[in-house]
Amino acid sequence: MNPSPVSFAEIFWNSARCLFYQQLEKMKQDLDQVKQEIKQDLDQVQQEIKQDLDQVQQEFKQDLDQVKQEFKQDLDQVKQEFKHDLDQAEHEIKQDLANLGEEQRSSFSQAQDQIDEL
C-alpha cells in the first residue's frame, strides 16, 4: 500500500496549513504581547510625566511663596524707612518752626527795646 501522490500532496498541504496557522497564532500572541508591553510602557511614561509635573508645580509654588515672602519683607522695610524719614522730617519741621518762633520773639523783643529807647 503505497500512498498515492494525491494523498501525499494532501498530507503535505495539510501539514503546511497547520504549520502556517501555528505560526500565525504565534505571531498573534507575539503581537498581543508587544501591545501589552507598549501599553505598560506608555502607562509608566504617563505616570512619570504626572510625577514630574506634580514636582514642577510644587517647586513653582514654593518659589512663588518665597518670592511673595521676600516681596512682603522688602515692602515692610520700605514702609519702615519711609515712616522713619517722615518722622525725621516732621521733627525737623517742628524744630525749624520752634526756632523760627524763637527768632521772631527775639526780633520782637529787640524791636520793642528799640521802641522803648526812642
PDB file of N, CA and C in Angstrom:
ATOM      1  N   MET A   1       0.823  -1.170   0.000  1.00  0.00           N
ATOM      2  CA  MET A   1       0.000   0.000   0.000  1.00  0.00           C
ATOM      3  C   MET A   1       0.878   1.249   0.000  1.00  0.00           C
ATOM      4  N   ASN A   2       1.162   1.654  -1.100  1.00  0.00           N
ATOM      5  CA  ASN A   2       1.910   2.901  -1.245  1.00  0.00           C
ATOM      6  C   ASN A   2       0.931   4.055  -1.310  1.00  0.00           C
ATOM      7  N   PRO A   3       1.312   5.089  -0.654  1.00  0.00           N
ATOM      8  CA  PRO A   3       0.401   6.230  -0.721  1.00  0.00           C
ATOM      9  C   PRO A   3       0.400   6.799  -2.117  1.00  0.00           C
ATOM     10  N   SER A   4      -0.734   7.232  -2.494  1.00  0.00           N
ATOM     11  CA  SER A   4      -0.850   7.825  -3.820  1.00  0.00           C
ATOM     12  C   SER A   4      -0.305   9.237  -3.795  1.00  0.00           C
ATOM     13  N   PRO A   5       0.130   9.756  -4.954  1.00  0.00           N
ATOM     14  CA  PRO A   5       0.659  11.105  -4.975  1.00  0.00           C
ATOM     15  C   PRO A   5      -0.352  12.123  -4.504  1.00  0.00           C
ATOM     16  N   VAL A   6      -1.588  11.901  -4.733  1.00  0.00           N
ATOM     17  CA  VAL A   6      -2.597  12.863  -4.300  1.00  0.00           C
ATOM     18  C   VAL A   6      -2.666  12.871  -2.787  1.00  0.00           C
ATOM     19  N   SER A   7      -2.668  11.715  -2.162  1.00  0.00           N
ATOM     20  CA  SER A   7      -2.775  11.686  -0.713  1.00  0.00           C
ATOM     21  C   SER A   7      -1.507  12.256  -0.077  1.00  0.00           C
ATOM     22  N   PHE A   8      -0.348  12.080  -0.705  1.00  0.00           N
ATOM     23  CA  PHE A   8       0.886  12.677  -0.200  1.00  0.00           C
ATOM     24  C   PHE A   8       0.792  14.206  -0.308  1.00  0.00           C
ATOM     25  N   ALA A   9       0.266  14.705  -1.375  1.00  0.00           N
ATOM     26  CA  ALA A   9       0.102  16.137  -1.564  1.00  0.00           C
ATOM     27  C   ALA A   9      -0.874  16.700  -0.541  1.00  0.00           C
ATOM     28  N   GLU A  10      -1.955  15.912  -0.283  1.00  0.00           N
ATOM     29  CA  GLU A  10      -2.910  16.378   0.728  1.00  0.00           C
ATOM     30  C   GLU A  10      -2.260  16.430   2.092  1.00  0.00           C
ATOM     31  N   ILE A  11      -1.462  15.412   2.417  1.00  0.00           N
ATOM     32  CA  ILE A  11      -0.773  15.401   3.716  1.00  0.00           C
ATOM     33  C   ILE A  11       0.180  16.589   3.791  1.00  0.00           C
ATOM     34  N   PHE A  12       0.937  16.838   2.744  1.00  0.00           N
ATOM     35  CA  PHE A  12       1.874  17.951   2.713  1.00  0.00           C
ATOM     36  C   PHE A  12       1.125  19.282   2.857  1.00  0.00           C
ATOM     37  N   TRP A  13       0.044  19.419   2.100  1.00  0.00           N
ATOM     38  CA  TRP A  13      -0.748  20.656   2.150  1.00  0.00           C
ATOM     39  C   TRP A  13      -1.349  20.861   3.530  1.00  0.00           C
ATOM     40  N   ASN A  14      -1.898  19.816   4.119  1.00  0.00           N
ATOM     41  CA  ASN A  14      -2.486  19.925   5.458  1.00  0.00           C
ATOM     42  C   ASN A  14      -1.413  20.252   6.495  1.00  0.00           C
ATOM     43  N   SER A  15      -0.247  19.655   6.363  1.00  0.00           N
ATOM     44  CA  SER A  15       0.849  19.941   7.297  1.00  0.00           C
ATOM     45  C   SER A  15       1.296  21.399   7.149  1.00  0.00           C
ATOM     46  N   ALA A  16       1.413  21.821   5.899  1.00  0.00           N
ATOM     47  CA  ALA A  16       1.830  23.204   5.652  1.00  0.00           C
ATOM     48  C   ALA A  16       0.802  24.186   6.205  1.00  0.00           C
ATOM     49  N   ARG A  17      -0.487  23.874   5.983  1.00  0.00           N
ATOM     50  CA  ARG A  17      -1.552  24.735   6.522  1.00  0.00           C
ATOM     51  C   ARG A  17      -1.502  24.776   8.039  1.00  0.00           C
ATOM     52  N   CYS A  18      -1.319  23.606   8.630  1.00  0.00           N
ATOM     53  CA  CYS A  18      -1.258  23.518  10.089  1.00  0.00           C
ATOM     54  C   CYS A  18      -0.078  24.342  10.613  1.00  0.00           C
ATOM     55  N   LEU A  19       1.080  24.179   9.989  1.00  0.00           N
ATOM     56  CA  LEU A  19       2.265  24.935  10.376  1.00  0.00           C
ATOM     57  C   LEU A  19       2.037  26.439  10.177  1.00  0.00           C
ATOM     58  N   PHE A  20       1.402  26.816   9.071  1.00  0.00           N
ATOM     59  CA  PHE A  20       1.104  28.216   8.794  1.00  0.00           C
ATOM     60  C   PHE A  20       0.196  28.784   9.883  1.00  0.00           C
ATOM     61  N   TYR A  21      -0.873  28.070  10.259  1.00  0.00           N
ATOM     62  CA  TYR A  21      -1.788  28.564  11.291  1.00  0.00           C
ATOM     63  C   TYR A  21      -1.118  28.608  12.657  1.00  0.00           C
ATOM     64  N   GLN A  22      -0.222  27.666  12.925  1.00  0.00           N
ATOM     65  CA  GLN A  22       0.521  27.711  14.186  1.00  0.00           C
ATOM     66  C   GLN A  22       1.411  28.955  14.225  1.00  0.00           C
ATOM     67  N   GLN A  23       2.085  29.218  13.116  1.00  0.00           N
ATOM     68  CA  GLN A  23       2.932  30.404  13.031  1.00  0.00           C
ATOM     69  C   GLN A  23       2.095  31.682  13.136  1.00  0.00           C
ATOM     70  N   LEU A  24       0.934  31.664  12.488  1.00  0.00           N
ATOM     71  CA  LEU A  24       0.035  32.817  12.542  1.00  0.00           C
ATOM     72  C   LEU A  24      -0.426  33.045  13.982  1.00  0.00           C
ATOM     73  N   GLU A  25      -0.777  31.994  14.685  1.00  0.00           N
ATOM     74  CA  GLU A  25      -1.206  32.095  16.080  1.00  0.00           C
ATOM     75  C   GLU A  25      -0.056  32.611  16.947  1.00  0.00           C
ATOM     76  N   LYS A  26       1.134  32.105  16.701  1.00  0.00           N
ATOM     77  CA  LYS A  26       2.321  32.555  17.449  1.00  0.00           C
ATOM     78  C   LYS A  26       2.564  34.040  17.189  1.00  0.00           C
ATOM     79  N   MET A  27       2.436  34.476  15.935  1.00  0.00           N
ATOM     80  CA  MET A  27       2.612  35.881  15.602  1.00  0.00           C
ATOM     81  C   MET A  27       1.553  36.732  16.286  1.00  0.00           C
ATOM     82  N   LYS A  28       0.317  36.221  16.355  1.00  0.00           N
ATOM     83  CA  LYS A  28      -0.766  36.949  17.026  1.00  0.00           C
ATOM     84  C   LYS A  28      -0.447  37.084  18.515  1.00  0.00           C
ATOM     85  N   GLN A  29       0.040  36.013  19.137  1.00  0.00           N
ATOM     86  CA  GLN A  29       0.403  36.071  20.549  1.00  0.00           C
ATOM     87  C   GLN A  29       1.556  37.051  20.778  1.00  0.00           C
ATOM     88  N   ASP A  30       2.548  36.996  19.879  1.00  0.00           N
ATOM     89  CA  ASP A  30       3.671  37.926  19.989  1.00  0.00           C
ATOM     90  C   ASP A  30       3.196  39.375  19.851  1.00  0.00           C
ATOM     91  N   LEU A  31       2.295  39.609  18.908  1.00  0.00           N
ATOM     92  CA  LEU A  31       1.747  40.945  18.707  1.00  0.00           C
ATOM     93  C   LEU A  31       0.970  41.401  19.938  1.00  0.00           C
ATOM     94  N   ASP A  32       0.169  40.511  20.512  1.00  0.00           N
ATOM     95  CA  ASP A  32      -0.572  40.848  21.733  1.00  0.00           C
ATOM     96  C   ASP A  32       0.394  41.178  22.868  1.00  0.00           C
ATOM     97  N   GLN A  33       1.494  40.424  22.951  1.00  0.00           N
ATOM     98  CA  GLN A  33       2.484  40.680  23.998  1.00  0.00           C
ATOM     99  C   GLN A  33       3.148  42.044  23.775  1.00  0.00           C
ATOM    100  N   VAL A  34       3.491  42.333  22.526  1.00  0.00           N
ATOM    101  CA  VAL A  34       4.096  43.634  22.221  1.00  0.00           C
ATOM    102  C   VAL A  34       3.125  44.757  22.548  1.00  0.00           C
ATOM    103  N   LYS A  35       1.839  44.567  22.194  1.00  0.00           N
ATOM    104  CA  LYS A  35       0.830  45.583  22.523  1.00  0.00           C
ATOM    105  C   LYS A  35       0.766  45.798  24.034  1.00  0.00           C
ATOM    106  N   GLN A  36       0.779  44.709  24.790  1.00  0.00           N
ATOM    107  CA  GLN A  36       0.717  44.805  26.251  1.00  0.00           C
ATOM    108  C   GLN A  36       1.951  45.529  26.797  1.00  0.00           C
ATOM    109  N   GLU A  37       3.121  45.209  26.268  1.00  0.00           N
ATOM    110  CA  GLU A  37       4.354  45.866  26.714  1.00  0.00           C
ATOM    111  C   GLU A  37       4.325  47.356  26.381  1.00  0.00           C
ATOM    112  N   ILE A  38       3.835  47.685  25.200  1.00  0.00           N
ATOM    113  CA  ILE A  38       3.723  49.096  24.804  1.00  0.00           C
ATOM    114  C   ILE A  38       2.755  49.824  25.735  1.00  0.00           C
ATOM    115  N   LYS A  39       1.638  49.180  26.048  1.00  0.00           N
ATOM    116  CA  LYS A  39       0.664  49.790  26.952  1.00  0.00           C
ATOM    117  C   LYS A  39       1.278  50.010  28.335  1.00  0.00           C
ATOM    118  N   GLN A  40       2.022  49.008  28.820  1.00  0.00           N
ATOM    119  CA  GLN A  40       2.677  49.157  30.124  1.00  0.00           C
ATOM    120  C   GLN A  40       3.705  50.289  30.093  1.00  0.00           C
ATOM    121  N   ASP A  41       4.491  50.333  29.018  1.00  0.00           N
ATOM    122  CA  ASP A  41       5.488  51.399  28.887  1.00  0.00           C
ATOM    123  C   ASP A  41       4.815  52.766  28.834  1.00  0.00           C
ATOM    124  N   LEU A  42       3.733  52.854  28.074  1.00  0.00           N
ATOM    125  CA  LEU A  42       3.004  54.108  27.960  1.00  0.00           C
ATOM    126  C   LEU A  42       2.427  54.521  29.317  1.00  0.00           C
ATOM    127  N   ASP A  43       1.853  53.569  30.037  1.00  0.00           N
ATOM    128  CA  ASP A  43       1.319  53.867  31.368  1.00  0.00           C
ATOM    129  C   ASP A  43       2.424  54.356  32.299  1.00  0.00           C
ATOM    130  N   GLN A  44       3.591  53.721  32.205  1.00  0.00           N
ATOM    131  CA  GLN A  44       4.716  54.120  33.043  1.00  0.00           C
ATOM    132  C   GLN A  44       5.185  55.528  32.682  1.00  0.00           C
ATOM    133  N   VAL A  45       5.275  55.823  31.395  1.00  0.00           N
ATOM    134  CA  VAL A  45       5.693  57.156  30.951  1.00  0.00           C
ATOM    135  C   VAL A  45       4.681  58.202  31.409  1.00  0.00           C
ATOM    136  N   GLN A  46       3.399  57.886  31.291  1.00  0.00           N
ATOM    137  CA  GLN A  46       2.367  58.824  31.736  1.00  0.00           C
ATOM    138  C   GLN A  46       2.490  59.068  33.238  1.00  0.00           C
ATOM    139  N   GLN A  47       2.754  58.023  33.999  1.00  0.00           N
ATOM    140  CA  GLN A  47       2.912  58.160  35.449  1.00  0.00           C
ATOM    141  C   GLN A  47       4.137  59.024  35.771  1.00  0.00           C
ATOM    142  N   GLU A  48       5.240  58.785  35.057  1.00  0.00           N
ATOM    143  CA  GLU A  48       6.447  59.580  35.284  1.00  0.00           C
ATOM    144  C   GLU A  48       6.208  61.042  34.925  1.00  0.00           C
ATOM    145  N   ILE A  49       5.506  61.290  33.835  1.00  0.00           N
ATOM    146  CA  ILE A  49       5.190  62.666  33.436  1.00  0.00           C
ATOM    147  C   ILE A  49       4.328  63.331  34.506  1.00  0.00           C
ATOM    148  N   LYS A  50       3.353  62.614  35.010  1.00  0.00           N
ATOM    149  CA  LYS A  50       2.483  63.162  36.056  1.00  0.00           C
ATOM    150  C   LYS A  50       3.298  63.488  37.306  1.00  0.00           C
ATOM    151  N   GLN A  51       4.198  62.586  37.685  1.00  0.00           N
ATOM    152  CA  GLN A  51       5.034  62.843  38.857  1.00  0.00           C
ATOM    153  C   GLN A  51       5.932  64.056  38.628  1.00  0.00           C
ATOM    154  N   ASP A  52       6.525  64.131  37.435  1.00  0.00           N
ATOM    155  CA  ASP A  52       7.374  65.277  37.119  1.00  0.00           C
ATOM    156  C   ASP A  52       6.582  66.572  37.152  1.00  0.00           C
ATOM    157  N   LEU A  53       5.392  66.542  36.579  1.00  0.00           N
ATOM    158  CA  LEU A  53       4.544  67.734  36.568  1.00  0.00           C
ATOM    159  C   LEU A  53       4.157  68.136  37.992  1.00  0.00           C
ATOM    160  N   ASP A  54       3.798  67.161  38.810  1.00  0.00           N
ATOM    161  CA  ASP A  54       3.468  67.460  40.207  1.00  0.00           C
ATOM    162  C   ASP A  54       4.655  68.081  40.928  1.00  0.00           C
ATOM    163  N   GLN A  55       5.851  67.550  40.659  1.00  0.00           N
ATOM    164  CA  GLN A  55       7.050  68.080  41.287  1.00  0.00           C
ATOM    165  C   GLN A  55       7.318  69.507  40.819  1.00  0.00           C
ATOM    166  N   VAL A  56       7.171  69.747  39.534  1.00  0.00           N
ATOM    167  CA  VAL A  56       7.391  71.094  38.991  1.00  0.00           C
ATOM    168  C   VAL A  56       6.377  72.069  39.594  1.00  0.00           C
ATOM    169  N   GLN A  57       5.125  71.628  39.695  1.00  0.00           N
ATOM    170  CA  GLN A  57       4.097  72.500  40.288  1.00  0.00           C
ATOM    171  C   GLN A  57       4.431  72.811  41.747  1.00  0.00           C
ATOM    172  N   GLN A  58       4.890  71.801  42.483  1.00  0.00           N
ATOM    173  CA  GLN A  58       5.250  72.016  43.889  1.00  0.00           C
ATOM    174  C   GLN A  58       6.428  72.975  44.005  1.00  0.00           C
ATOM    175  N   GLU A  59       7.442  72.781  43.167  1.00  0.00           N
ATOM    176  CA  GLU A  59       8.598  73.675  43.188  1.00  0.00           C
ATOM    177  C   GLU A  59       8.194  75.097  42.807  1.00  0.00           C
ATOM    178  N   PHE A  60       7.315  75.230  41.802  1.00  0.00           N
ATOM    179  CA  PHE A  60       6.847  76.555  41.394  1.00  0.00           C
ATOM    180  C   PHE A  60       6.097  77.226  42.547  1.00  0.00           C
ATOM    181  N   LYS A  61       5.254  76.469  43.232  1.00  0.00           N
ATOM    182  CA  LYS A  61       4.504  77.019  44.364  1.00  0.00           C
ATOM    183  C   LYS A  61       5.459  77.471  45.463  1.00  0.00           C
ATOM    184  N   GLN A  62       6.471  76.662  45.750  1.00  0.00           N
ATOM    185  CA  GLN A  62       7.448  77.045  46.772  1.00  0.00           C
ATOM    186  C   GLN A  62       8.195  78.305  46.357  1.00  0.00           C
ATOM    187  N   ASP A  63       8.607  78.361  45.091  1.00  0.00           N
ATOM    188  CA  ASP A  63       9.308  79.547  44.604  1.00  0.00           C
ATOM    189  C   ASP A  63       8.421  80.778  44.675  1.00  0.00           C
ATOM    190  N   LEU A  64       7.165  80.615  44.287  1.00  0.00           N
ATOM    191  CA  LEU A  64       6.225  81.738  44.328  1.00  0.00           C
ATOM    192  C   LEU A  64       6.005  82.201  45.766  1.00  0.00           C
ATOM    193  N   ASP A  65       5.853  81.257  46.689  1.00  0.00           N
ATOM    194  CA  ASP A  65       5.686  81.615  48.096  1.00  0.00           C
ATOM    195  C   ASP A  65       6.917  82.357  48.614  1.00  0.00           C
ATOM    196  N   GLN A  66       8.099  81.901  48.204  1.00  0.00           N
ATOM    197  CA  GLN A  66       9.333  82.557  48.629  1.00  0.00           C
ATOM    198  C   GLN A  66       9.406  83.976  48.071  1.00  0.00           C
ATOM    199  N   VAL A  67       9.054  84.139  46.804  1.00  0.00           N
ATOM    200  CA  VAL A  67       9.068  85.476  46.200  1.00  0.00           C
ATOM    201  C   VAL A  67       8.061  86.383  46.907  1.00  0.00           C
ATOM    202  N   LYS A  68       6.878  85.852  47.219  1.00  0.00           N
ATOM    203  CA  LYS A  68       5.879  86.647  47.942  1.00  0.00           C
ATOM    204  C   LYS A  68       6.431  87.088  49.294  1.00  0.00           C
ATOM    205  N   GLN A  69       7.077  86.153  50.006  1.00  0.00           N
ATOM    206  CA  GLN A  69       7.625  86.473  51.327  1.00  0.00           C
ATOM    207  C   GLN A  69       8.718  87.530  51.215  1.00  0.00           C
ATOM    208  N   GLU A  70       9.603  87.372  50.229  1.00  0.00           N
ATOM    209  CA  GLU A  70      10.665  88.356  50.040  1.00  0.00           C
ATOM    210  C   GLU A  70      10.084  89.724  49.677  1.00  0.00           C
ATOM    211  N   PHE A  71       9.065  89.738  48.824  1.00  0.00           N
ATOM    212  CA  PHE A  71       8.432  90.993  48.441  1.00  0.00           C
ATOM    213  C   PHE A  71       7.796  91.663  49.660  1.00  0.00           C
ATOM    214  N   LYS A  72       7.128  90.851  50.492  1.00  0.00           N
ATOM    215  CA  LYS A  72       6.489  91.392  51.690  1.00  0.00           C
ATOM    216  C   LYS A  72       7.550  91.978  52.627  1.00  0.00           C
ATOM    217  N   GLN A  73       8.665  91.277  52.789  1.00  0.00           N
ATOM    218  CA  GLN A  73       9.736  91.789  53.643  1.00  0.00           C
ATOM    219  C   GLN A  73      10.303  93.085  53.079  1.00  0.00           C
ATOM    220  N   ASP A  74      10.521  93.120  51.776  1.00  0.00           N
ATOM    221  CA  ASP A  74      11.032  94.343  51.144  1.00  0.00           C
ATOM    222  C   ASP A  74      10.049  95.493  51.315  1.00  0.00           C
ATOM    223  N   LEU A  75       8.766  95.210  51.119  1.00  0.00           N
ATOM    224  CA  LEU A  75       7.747  96.245  51.269  1.00  0.00           C
ATOM    225  C   LEU A  75       7.693  96.749  52.713  1.00  0.00           C
ATOM    226  N   ASP A  76       7.763  95.828  53.680  1.00  0.00           N
ATOM    227  CA  ASP A  76       7.772  96.237  55.080  1.00  0.00           C
ATOM    228  C   ASP A  76       8.989  97.107  55.394  1.00  0.00           C
ATOM    229  N   GLN A  77      10.132  96.749  54.827  1.00  0.00           N
ATOM    230  CA  GLN A  77      11.348  97.539  55.048  1.00  0.00           C
ATOM    231  C   GLN A  77      11.201  98.934  54.448  1.00  0.00           C
ATOM    232  N   VAL A  78      10.651  99.015  53.246  1.00  0.00           N
ATOM    233  CA  VAL A  78      10.441 100.322  52.607  1.00  0.00           C
ATOM    234  C   VAL A  78       9.465 101.155  53.444  1.00  0.00           C
ATOM    235  N   LYS A  79       8.413 100.510  53.963  1.00  0.00           N
ATOM    236  CA  LYS A  79       7.450 101.238  54.803  1.00  0.00           C
ATOM    237  C   LYS A  79       8.141 101.782  56.050  1.00  0.00           C
ATOM    238  N   GLN A  80       8.965 100.940  56.684  1.00  0.00           N
ATOM    239  CA  GLN A  80       9.663 101.386  57.888  1.00  0.00           C
ATOM    240  C   GLN A  80      10.614 102.546  57.576  1.00  0.00           C
ATOM    241  N   GLU A  81      11.358 102.436  56.469  1.00  0.00           N
ATOM    242  CA  GLU A  81      12.275 103.509  56.096  1.00  0.00           C
ATOM    243  C   GLU A  81      11.508 104.786  55.784  1.00  0.00           C
ATOM    244  N   PHE A  82      10.374 104.660  55.100  1.00  0.00           N
ATOM    245  CA  PHE A  82       9.572 105.832  54.773  1.00  0.00           C
ATOM    246  C   PHE A  82       9.021 106.473  56.048  1.00  0.00           C
ATOM    247  N   LYS A  83       8.529 105.639  56.977  1.00  0.00           N
ATOM    248  CA  LYS A  83       7.997 106.169  58.238  1.00  0.00           C
ATOM    249  C   LYS A  83       9.102 106.865  59.029  1.00  0.00           C
ATOM    250  N   HIS A  84      10.284 106.257  59.038  1.00  0.00           N
ATOM    251  CA  HIS A  84      11.402 106.873  59.742  1.00  0.00           C
ATOM    252  C   HIS A  84      11.751 108.222  59.108  1.00  0.00           C
ATOM    253  N   ASP A  85      11.831 108.254  57.782  1.00  0.00           N
ATOM    254  CA  ASP A  85      12.131 109.510  57.081  1.00  0.00           C
ATOM    255  C   ASP A  85      11.048 110.549  57.335  1.00  0.00           C
ATOM    256  N   LEU A  86       9.789 110.117  57.325  1.00  0.00           N
ATOM    257  CA  LEU A  86       8.676 111.028  57.574  1.00  0.00           C
ATOM    258  C   LEU A  86       8.725 111.571  59.004  1.00  0.00           C
ATOM    259  N   ASP A  87       8.990 110.690  59.977  1.00  0.00           N
ATOM    260  CA  ASP A  87       9.099 111.142  61.372  1.00  0.00           C
ATOM    261  C   ASP A  87      10.261 112.122  61.541  1.00  0.00           C
ATOM    262  N   GLN A  88      11.379 111.823  60.865  1.00  0.00           N
ATOM    263  CA  GLN A  88      12.539 112.696  60.958  1.00  0.00           C
ATOM    264  C   GLN A  88      12.222 114.062  60.334  1.00  0.00           C
ATOM    265  N   ALA A  89      11.552 114.057  59.200  1.00  0.00           N
ATOM    266  CA  ALA A  89      11.185 115.322  58.546  1.00  0.00           C
ATOM    267  C   ALA A  89      10.222 116.114  59.428  1.00  0.00           C
ATOM    268  N   GLU A  90       9.264 115.425  60.026  1.00  0.00           N
ATOM    269  CA  GLU A  90       8.302 116.095  60.914  1.00  0.00           C
ATOM    270  C   GLU A  90       9.031 116.731  62.097  1.00  0.00           C
ATOM    271  N   HIS A  91       9.972 115.990  62.667  1.00  0.00           N
ATOM    272  CA  HIS A  91      10.736 116.514  63.799  1.00  0.00           C
ATOM    273  C   HIS A  91      11.538 117.759  63.379  1.00  0.00           C
ATOM    274  N   GLU A  92      12.180 117.691  62.202  1.00  0.00           N
ATOM    275  CA  GLU A  92      12.973 118.820  61.721  1.00  0.00           C
ATOM    276  C   GLU A  92      12.086 120.031  61.464  1.00  0.00           C
ATOM    277  N   ILE A  93      10.890 119.809  60.920  1.00  0.00           N
ATOM    278  CA  ILE A  93       9.956 120.913  60.663  1.00  0.00           C
ATOM    279  C   ILE A  93       9.525 121.558  61.977  1.00  0.00           C
ATOM    280  N   LYS A  94       9.193 120.697  62.960  1.00  0.00           N
ATOM    281  CA  LYS A  94       8.794 121.249  64.269  1.00  0.00           C
ATOM    282  C   LYS A  94       9.942 122.032  64.890  1.00  0.00           C
ATOM    283  N   GLN A  95      11.149 121.504  64.751  1.00  0.00           N
ATOM    284  CA  GLN A  95      12.315 122.189  65.303  1.00  0.00           C
ATOM    285  C   GLN A  95      12.534 123.522  64.576  1.00  0.00           C
ATOM    286  N   ASP A  96      12.401 123.489  63.260  1.00  0.00           N
ATOM    287  CA  ASP A  96      12.550 124.731  62.490  1.00  0.00           C
ATOM    288  C   ASP A  96      11.482 125.745  62.880  1.00  0.00           C
ATOM    289  N   LEU A  97      10.241 125.278  63.074  1.00  0.00           N
ATOM    290  CA  LEU A  97       9.163 126.188  63.487  1.00  0.00           C
ATOM    291  C   LEU A  97       9.440 126.754  64.868  1.00  0.00           C
ATOM    292  N   ALA A  98       9.939 125.906  65.746  1.00  0.00           N
ATOM    293  CA  ALA A  98      10.259 126.382  67.102  1.00  0.00           C
ATOM    294  C   ALA A  98      11.379 127.415  67.040  1.00  0.00           C
ATOM    295  N   ASN A  99      12.387 127.131  66.243  1.00  0.00           N
ATOM    296  CA  ASN A  99      13.490 128.098  66.104  1.00  0.00           C
ATOM    297  C   ASN A  99      12.997 129.390  65.475  1.00  0.00           C
ATOM    298  N   LEU A 100      12.132 129.276  64.484  1.00  0.00           N
ATOM    299  CA  LEU A 100      11.582 130.458  63.829  1.00  0.00           C
ATOM    300  C   LEU A 100      10.777 131.279  64.828  1.00  0.00           C
ATOM    301  N   GLY A 101      10.006 130.583  65.653  1.00  0.00           N
ATOM    302  CA  GLY A 101       9.233 131.293  66.673  1.00  0.00           C
ATOM    303  C   GLY A 101      10.143 131.991  67.661  1.00  0.00           C
ATOM    304  N   GLU A 102      11.229 131.330  68.046  1.00  0.00           N
ATOM    305  CA  GLU A 102      12.198 131.931  68.969  1.00  0.00           C
ATOM    306  C   GLU A 102      12.856 133.138  68.328  1.00  0.00           C
ATOM    307  N   GLU A 103      13.205 133.026  67.041  1.00  0.00           N
ATOM    308  CA  GLU A 103      13.818 134.154  66.333  1.00  0.00           C
ATOM    309  C   GLU A 103      12.842 135.315  66.245  1.00  0.00           C
ATOM    310  N   GLN A 104      11.562 135.021  65.993  1.00  0.00           N
ATOM    311  CA  GLN A 104      10.572 136.100  65.908  1.00  0.00           C
ATOM    312  C   GLN A 104      10.392 136.773  67.266  1.00  0.00           C
ATOM    313  N   ARG A 105      10.379 135.963  68.328  1.00  0.00           N
ATOM    314  CA  ARG A 105      10.244 136.556  69.660  1.00  0.00           C
ATOM    315  C   ARG A 105      11.458 137.430  69.976  1.00  0.00           C
ATOM    316  N   SER A 106      12.627 136.915  69.572  1.00  0.00           N
ATOM    317  CA  SER A 106      13.855 137.684  69.809  1.00  0.00           C
ATOM    318  C   SER A 106      13.827 138.985  69.002  1.00  0.00           C
ATOM    319  N   SER A 107      13.405 138.880  67.747  1.00  0.00           N
ATOM    320  CA  SER A 107      13.317 140.087  66.901  1.00  0.00           C
ATOM    321  C   SER A 107      12.267 141.038  67.460  1.00  0.00           C
ATOM    322  N   PHE A 108      11.156 140.508  67.936  1.00  0.00           N
ATOM    323  CA  PHE A 108      10.100 141.336  68.511  1.00  0.00           C
ATOM    324  C   PHE A 108      10.618 142.028  69.762  1.00  0.00           C
ATOM    325  N   SER A 109      11.364 141.265  70.576  1.00  0.00           N
ATOM    326  CA  SER A 109      11.920 141.867  71.802  1.00  0.00           C
ATOM    327  C   SER A 109      12.903 142.971  71.461  1.00  0.00           C
ATOM    328  N   GLN A 110      13.732 142.751  70.456  1.00  0.00           N
ATOM    329  CA  GLN A 110      14.695 143.785  70.048  1.00  0.00           C
ATOM    330  C   GLN A 110      13.957 145.022  69.516  1.00  0.00           C
ATOM    331  N   ALA A 111      12.917 144.761  68.745  1.00  0.00           N
ATOM    332  CA  ALA A 111      12.127 145.887  68.207  1.00  0.00           C
ATOM    333  C   ALA A 111      11.485 146.633  69.345  1.00  0.00           C
ATOM    334  N   GLN A 112      10.967 145.913  70.328  1.00  0.00           N
ATOM    335  CA  GLN A 112      10.318 146.544  71.487  1.00  0.00           C
ATOM    336  C   GLN A 112      11.342 147.382  72.273  1.00  0.00           C
ATOM    337  N   ASP A 113      12.527 146.801  72.423  1.00  0.00           N
ATOM    338  CA  ASP A 113      13.580 147.521  73.132  1.00  0.00           C
ATOM    339  C   ASP A 113      13.944 148.814  72.380  1.00  0.00           C
ATOM    340  N   GLN A 114      13.985 148.732  71.043  1.00  0.00           N
ATOM    341  CA  GLN A 114      14.329 149.917  70.252  1.00  0.00           C
ATOM    342  C   GLN A 114      13.229 150.966  70.376  1.00  0.00           C
ATOM    343  N   ILE A 115      12.003 150.499  70.383  1.00  0.00           N
ATOM    344  CA  ILE A 115      10.876 151.461  70.542  1.00  0.00           C
ATOM    345  C   ILE A 115      10.954 152.115  71.895  1.00  0.00           C
ATOM    346  N   ASP A 116      11.265 151.292  72.894  1.00  0.00           N
ATOM    347  CA  ASP A 116      11.343 151.830  74.262  1.00  0.00           C
ATOM    348  C   ASP A 116      12.471 152.854  74.387  1.00  0.00           C
ATOM    349  N   GLU A 117      13.537 152.661  73.679  1.00  0.00           N
ATOM    350  CA  GLU A 117      14.653 153.579  73.732  1.00  0.00           C
ATOM    351  C   GLU A 117      14.317 154.910  73.063  1.00  0.00           C
ATOM    352  N   LEU A 118      13.437 154.857  72.136  1.00  0.00           N
ATOM    353  CA  LEU A 118      13.075 156.073  71.425  1.00  0.00           C
ATOM    354  C   LEU A 118      12.124 156.847  72.310  1.00  0.00           C
TER     355      LEU A 118
END
